[in-house]
Amino acid sequence: MIRKATLADLDQLVELERVGFTSDFFTRAQFRHYLTRGHGVVLLDSARGQARGMAVVMWRIGGKSCRLYDIVVRPGLRGRGLGGRLLDAAEAHARRQGCVRLVLESRRDNATAIRLYEERGYRRFDVLPDYYQDGADALRYAKDLV
């Protein structure tokens, strides 16, 4: 089930971020900000008390674009459609915020994520050289939500 995360989920969010990525982690403080003060939402997919995946969507008040800052599925559960369901939930939440476009970055070497985004109608519009901590490039994608 995908739901809006709360402060009670903070430990699981941090742990999921650590097992899902090798670098460029959100910190505990960043998650706390997103959960309490930021203009955004952390969507959590959990089952039987275990965090299986999450997506972080942010927006500016009055803005027409939302940004997918983070999407991760727990290793071992990948390939089961969880990423697609999280992406659908992120898009639905962006629409509810009045956003007409969702923008995101993906590592150039993340073929699985790129395939998901492109199959879901995202268009690549930019390359950000040396974007990630390890020097990897990011590909920028966007999708119109209307």
Protein backbone atom coordinates (compact mmCIF):
# COMPACT_ATOMS: atom_id res chain seq x y z
CA MET A 1 0.00 0.00 0.00
CA ILE A 2 1.29 3.47 -0.87
CA ARG A 3 0.60 6.21 1.64
CA LYS A 4 1.98 9.53 2.79
CA ALA A 5 4.91 8.94 5.15
CA THR A 6 5.01 10.47 8.61
CA LEU A 7 7.69 11.17 11.20
CA ALA A 8 6.99 7.71 12.61
CA ASP A 9 8.44 6.31 9.36
CA LEU A 10 11.70 8.29 9.60
CA ASP A 11 13.96 5.37 10.55
CA GLN A 12 12.58 3.21 7.74
CA LEU A 13 12.99 6.01 5.17
CA VAL A 14 16.63 6.55 6.11
CA GLU A 15 17.32 2.81 6.03
CA LEU A 16 15.58 2.39 2.66
CA GLU A 17 17.63 5.24 1.21
CA ARG A 18 20.86 3.59 2.41
CA VAL A 19 20.07 0.15 0.99
CA GLY A 20 18.67 1.57 -2.24
CA PHE A 21 21.55 3.82 -3.26
CA THR A 22 25.34 3.75 -3.08
CA SER A 23 25.78 7.54 -2.79
CA ASP A 24 23.90 10.85 -2.82
CA PHE A 25 21.77 9.92 0.19
CA PHE A 26 19.09 12.08 1.75
CA THR A 27 20.04 12.73 5.35
CA ARG A 28 17.81 12.18 8.34
CA ALA A 29 17.50 15.96 8.65
CA GLN A 30 16.42 16.28 5.02
CA PHE A 31 13.74 13.63 5.47
CA ARG A 32 12.55 15.35 8.64
CA HIS A 33 12.28 18.62 6.69
CA TYR A 34 10.36 16.97 3.84
CA LEU A 35 7.98 15.35 6.32
CA THR A 36 7.30 18.48 8.38
CA ARG A 37 8.14 21.73 6.63
CA GLY A 38 8.86 21.29 2.98
CA HIS A 39 6.47 21.83 0.12
CA GLY A 40 6.37 18.21 -0.77
CA VAL A 41 5.44 14.72 0.16
CA VAL A 42 7.21 11.46 0.87
CA LEU A 43 5.17 8.56 -0.47
CA LEU A 44 5.90 5.23 1.19
CA ASP A 45 5.07 1.74 -0.05
CA SER A 46 5.05 -0.67 2.87
CA ALA A 47 3.78 -4.13 3.64
CA ARG A 48 3.73 -5.95 6.96
CA GLY A 49 5.64 -3.09 8.58
CA GLN A 50 8.51 -3.10 6.08
CA ALA A 51 9.28 -0.17 3.80
CA ARG A 52 9.42 -1.54 0.25
CA GLY A 53 9.86 1.71 -1.68
CA MET A 54 9.38 5.45 -1.61
CA ALA A 55 9.11 8.53 -3.76
CA VAL A 56 9.79 12.15 -2.78
CA VAL A 57 7.90 14.85 -4.68
CA MET A 58 8.51 18.56 -4.14
CA TRP A 59 6.91 21.73 -5.49
CA ARG A 60 6.99 25.50 -5.16
CA ILE A 61 3.84 27.26 -4.06
CA GLY A 62 2.22 28.68 -7.17
CA GLY A 63 4.56 26.72 -9.44
CA LYS A 64 3.30 24.60 -12.31
CA SER A 65 6.06 21.97 -12.18
CA CYS A 66 6.74 19.40 -9.51
CA ARG A 67 10.02 17.59 -9.10
CA LEU A 68 10.51 13.92 -8.36
CA TYR A 69 13.55 14.17 -6.09
CA ASP A 70 13.86 10.53 -5.18
CA ILE A 71 12.36 7.18 -6.04
CA VAL A 72 13.73 3.93 -4.67
CA VAL A 73 12.60 0.33 -4.43
CA ARG A 74 14.24 -2.00 -1.95
CA PRO A 75 16.76 -4.33 -3.61
CA GLY A 76 15.29 -7.81 -3.82
CA LEU A 77 11.84 -6.39 -4.56
CA ARG A 78 12.74 -4.73 -7.83
CA GLY A 79 11.14 -5.90 -11.06
CA ARG A 80 7.72 -6.42 -9.46
CA GLY A 81 6.09 -3.16 -10.57
CA LEU A 82 6.65 -1.24 -7.32
CA GLY A 83 8.61 1.51 -9.08
CA GLY A 84 5.81 2.00 -11.59
CA ARG A 85 3.20 2.19 -8.83
CA LEU A 86 5.30 4.73 -6.93
CA LEU A 87 5.71 6.77 -10.10
CA ASP A 88 1.93 6.67 -10.69
CA ALA A 89 1.35 7.82 -7.10
CA ALA A 90 3.90 10.64 -7.49
CA GLU A 91 2.21 11.83 -10.68
CA ALA A 92 -1.23 11.69 -9.05
CA HIS A 93 0.02 13.70 -6.08
CA ALA A 94 1.64 16.27 -8.39
CA ARG A 95 -1.67 16.69 -10.24
CA ARG A 96 -3.49 17.24 -6.93
CA GLN A 97 -1.01 20.04 -6.20
CA GLY A 98 -1.96 21.71 -9.49
CA CYS A 99 1.28 20.79 -11.24
CA VAL A 100 1.09 20.25 -14.98
CA ARG A 101 4.60 18.82 -15.36
CA LEU A 102 6.81 16.42 -13.42
CA VAL A 103 10.59 16.80 -13.76
CA LEU A 104 13.28 14.38 -12.57
CA GLU A 105 16.93 13.41 -12.92
CA SER A 106 18.30 9.93 -13.45
CA ARG A 107 21.84 8.65 -13.48
CA ARG A 108 22.99 8.10 -17.04
CA ASP A 109 24.00 4.54 -16.11
CA ASN A 110 20.64 3.59 -14.53
CA ALA A 111 19.16 1.76 -17.52
CA THR A 112 16.27 0.31 -15.50
CA ALA A 113 15.06 3.70 -14.31
CA ILE A 114 15.53 5.28 -17.73
CA ARG A 115 13.50 2.51 -19.35
CA LEU A 116 10.69 3.02 -16.80
CA TYR A 117 10.59 6.77 -17.34
CA GLU A 118 10.66 6.55 -21.11
CA GLU A 119 7.97 3.84 -21.16
CA ARG A 120 5.81 6.12 -19.01
CA GLY A 121 6.10 9.06 -21.43
CA TYR A 122 8.97 11.05 -19.94
CA ARG A 123 11.11 12.95 -22.45
CA ARG A 124 14.80 13.64 -21.96
CA PHE A 125 15.55 17.34 -22.29
CA ASP A 126 18.97 17.92 -20.76
CA VAL A 127 22.21 16.33 -19.52
CA LEU A 128 23.85 17.53 -16.30
CA PRO A 129 27.55 16.61 -16.39
CA ASP A 130 29.22 15.52 -13.15
CA TYR A 131 25.91 15.82 -11.26
CA TYR A 132 26.28 13.03 -8.73
CA GLN A 133 28.86 12.76 -5.94
CA ASP A 134 30.80 10.09 -7.83
CA GLY A 135 30.98 12.25 -10.96
CA ALA A 136 28.23 10.47 -12.92
CA ASP A 137 26.12 12.51 -15.31
CA ALA A 138 22.39 12.99 -14.82
CA LEU A 139 19.80 12.89 -17.55
CA ARG A 140 16.89 15.28 -17.00
CA TYR A 141 13.42 14.10 -17.92
CA ALA A 142 9.97 15.70 -17.89
CA LYS A 143 6.41 14.61 -18.46
CA ASP A 144 3.34 16.74 -19.03
CA LEU A 145 0.63 15.68 -16.61
CA VAL A 146 -2.37 17.22 -18.37
